[in-house]
């Protein structure tokens, strides 16, 4: 359980995605009523690492303040983000594709659109999405 808490995005973490004609969020229809016209994402918590190494030694929980949702961005509330072996390997620095630290590990999950920028017309608050491509952090 400690590994799960220290490696994955917490449910209720929020992520901003820059959305343009080349962006892909696999889209599901709205499964329940949900609405938000927020122009600022809510604060959230996430696990980051500032250097490569063993996950229990280099990861830490941080508070992330809300940020402005710009006109071409989508704010997604992460509902589930499983731990994948590649997540552990990225933190360790041995996976072929890895972000430069400081970074948030994570390469898959499902989320619910919390809010959208004014230029985004194909998604609405409440829609469920699978962010693509992987490695969104």
Protein backbone atom coordinates (compact mmCIF):
# COMPACT_ATOMS: atom_id res chain seq x y z
CA UNK A 1 0.00 0.00 0.00
CA UNK A 2 2.87 2.40 0.70
CA UNK A 3 4.15 1.81 -2.83
CA UNK A 4 0.74 2.63 -4.29
CA UNK A 5 0.52 5.86 -2.32
CA UNK A 6 4.00 6.96 -3.24
CA UNK A 7 3.92 6.23 -6.97
CA UNK A 8 0.58 6.98 -8.55
CA UNK A 9 -1.43 10.11 -8.99
CA UNK A 10 -3.96 10.20 -6.24
CA UNK A 11 -7.60 9.91 -7.21
CA UNK A 12 -8.83 13.50 -7.22
CA UNK A 13 -5.53 14.82 -8.57
CA UNK A 14 -6.10 17.36 -11.32
CA UNK A 15 -4.06 17.62 -14.52
CA UNK A 16 -4.14 20.28 -17.22
CA UNK A 17 -3.88 19.15 -20.82
CA UNK A 18 -3.11 21.52 -23.67
CA UNK A 19 -5.81 20.70 -26.20
CA UNK A 20 -5.37 21.45 -29.92
CA UNK A 21 -6.11 19.74 -33.23
CA UNK A 22 -3.28 17.24 -32.63
CA UNK A 23 -4.33 16.39 -29.06
CA UNK A 24 -5.93 13.13 -28.27
CA UNK A 25 -8.00 12.36 -25.21
CA UNK A 26 -9.95 9.16 -25.65
CA UNK A 27 -13.45 10.34 -24.93
CA UNK A 28 -16.40 8.67 -23.24
CA UNK A 29 -19.84 10.19 -23.00
CA UNK A 30 -20.88 11.79 -19.75
CA UNK A 31 -21.83 9.11 -17.25
CA UNK A 32 -23.37 11.38 -14.63
CA UNK A 33 -24.35 15.01 -14.26
CA UNK A 34 -21.35 17.22 -13.59
CA UNK A 35 -20.70 20.85 -14.27
CA UNK A 36 -17.97 23.34 -13.69
CA UNK A 37 -17.25 26.64 -15.32
CA UNK A 38 -14.11 27.09 -13.24
CA UNK A 39 -11.34 29.09 -14.82
CA UNK A 40 -8.91 27.93 -12.11
CA UNK A 41 -8.17 24.31 -11.38
CA UNK A 42 -8.69 23.23 -7.79
CA UNK A 43 -5.62 22.64 -5.64
CA UNK A 44 -4.48 19.01 -5.57
CA UNK A 45 -1.76 16.68 -4.33
CA UNK A 46 0.66 14.64 -6.37
CA UNK A 47 3.80 12.58 -5.98
CA UNK A 48 6.96 14.00 -7.56
CA UNK A 49 10.57 12.96 -7.77
CA UNK A 50 13.47 15.38 -8.12
CA UNK A 51 16.14 12.84 -8.98
CA UNK A 52 16.22 9.27 -10.23
CA UNK A 53 16.53 6.51 -7.66
CA UNK A 54 14.55 4.01 -5.64
CA UNK A 55 10.92 5.21 -5.37
CA UNK A 56 10.75 5.04 -1.57
CA UNK A 57 13.84 7.25 -1.33
CA UNK A 58 13.20 9.89 -4.02
CA UNK A 59 9.43 10.47 -4.15
CA UNK A 60 7.50 12.98 -2.07
CA UNK A 61 3.92 14.18 -1.74
CA UNK A 62 3.44 17.83 -2.67
CA UNK A 63 0.52 20.24 -2.68
CA UNK A 64 -0.10 21.78 -6.09
CA UNK A 65 -1.93 25.13 -6.07
CA UNK A 66 -4.72 25.80 -8.52
CA UNK A 67 -3.69 27.24 -11.87
CA UNK A 68 -5.55 29.15 -14.55
CA UNK A 69 -7.24 26.96 -17.16
CA UNK A 70 -6.28 28.66 -20.43
CA UNK A 71 -8.47 28.81 -23.52
CA UNK A 72 -7.01 25.68 -25.16
CA UNK A 73 -6.59 23.58 -21.98
CA UNK A 74 -8.64 20.87 -20.34
CA UNK A 75 -8.53 20.32 -16.58
CA UNK A 76 -9.01 16.60 -15.83
CA UNK A 77 -9.76 15.14 -12.41
CA UNK A 78 -7.88 11.83 -12.32
CA UNK A 79 -10.18 9.06 -11.06
CA UNK A 80 -7.75 6.16 -11.31
CA UNK A 81 -4.06 5.88 -12.14
CA UNK A 82 -2.59 2.41 -11.72
CA UNK A 83 1.04 1.68 -11.03
CA UNK A 84 2.73 0.26 -14.08
CA UNK A 85 6.22 -1.32 -13.96
CA UNK A 86 7.35 1.41 -16.34
CA UNK A 87 6.40 4.01 -13.70
CA UNK A 88 8.84 2.46 -11.26
CA UNK A 89 11.52 2.16 -13.94
CA UNK A 90 11.10 5.84 -14.92
CA UNK A 91 11.61 6.91 -11.32
CA UNK A 92 14.68 4.69 -11.13
CA UNK A 93 15.95 6.25 -14.38
CA UNK A 94 16.26 2.95 -16.26
CA UNK A 95 13.24 3.16 -18.59
CA UNK A 96 14.08 4.20 -22.19
CA UNK A 97 11.45 6.99 -22.21
CA UNK A 98 11.62 9.16 -19.12
CA UNK A 99 10.94 12.80 -18.28
CA UNK A 100 13.67 14.97 -16.80
CA UNK A 101 13.24 15.48 -13.04
CA UNK A 102 11.51 17.06 -11.35
CA UNK A 103 8.68 14.94 -12.72
CA UNK A 104 5.45 13.17 -11.89
CA UNK A 105 5.38 9.51 -12.81
CA UNK A 106 2.38 7.99 -14.48
CA UNK A 107 1.60 6.62 -17.89
CA UNK A 108 -2.06 5.62 -17.82
CA UNK A 109 -5.31 6.34 -16.11
CA UNK A 110 -8.86 7.54 -16.47
CA UNK A 111 -10.22 10.94 -15.58
CA UNK A 112 -13.26 13.15 -15.65
CA UNK A 113 -13.20 16.54 -17.33
CA UNK A 114 -13.47 19.14 -14.57
CA UNK A 115 -13.40 22.24 -16.76
CA UNK A 116 -12.45 23.32 -20.27
CA UNK A 117 -11.01 26.47 -21.78
CA UNK A 118 -13.19 28.59 -24.03
CA UNK A 119 -11.58 27.29 -27.25
CA UNK A 120 -12.27 23.62 -26.42
CA UNK A 121 -15.50 22.51 -28.09
CA UNK A 122 -15.30 18.71 -28.23
CA UNK A 123 -15.20 18.00 -24.48
CA UNK A 124 -17.47 19.09 -21.67
CA UNK A 125 -17.24 19.02 -17.88
CA UNK A 126 -18.28 15.58 -16.69
CA UNK A 127 -16.99 13.66 -19.73
CA UNK A 128 -14.76 10.71 -18.90
CA UNK A 129 -11.46 10.54 -20.77
CA UNK A 130 -8.33 8.44 -21.07
CA UNK A 131 -5.42 10.82 -21.65
CA UNK A 132 -3.29 9.85 -24.65
CA UNK A 133 -0.44 9.56 -25.42
CA UNK A 134 0.89 7.75 -22.36
CA UNK A 135 3.53 9.44 -20.21
CA UNK A 136 1.40 12.40 -19.30
CA UNK A 137 2.71 12.34 -15.74
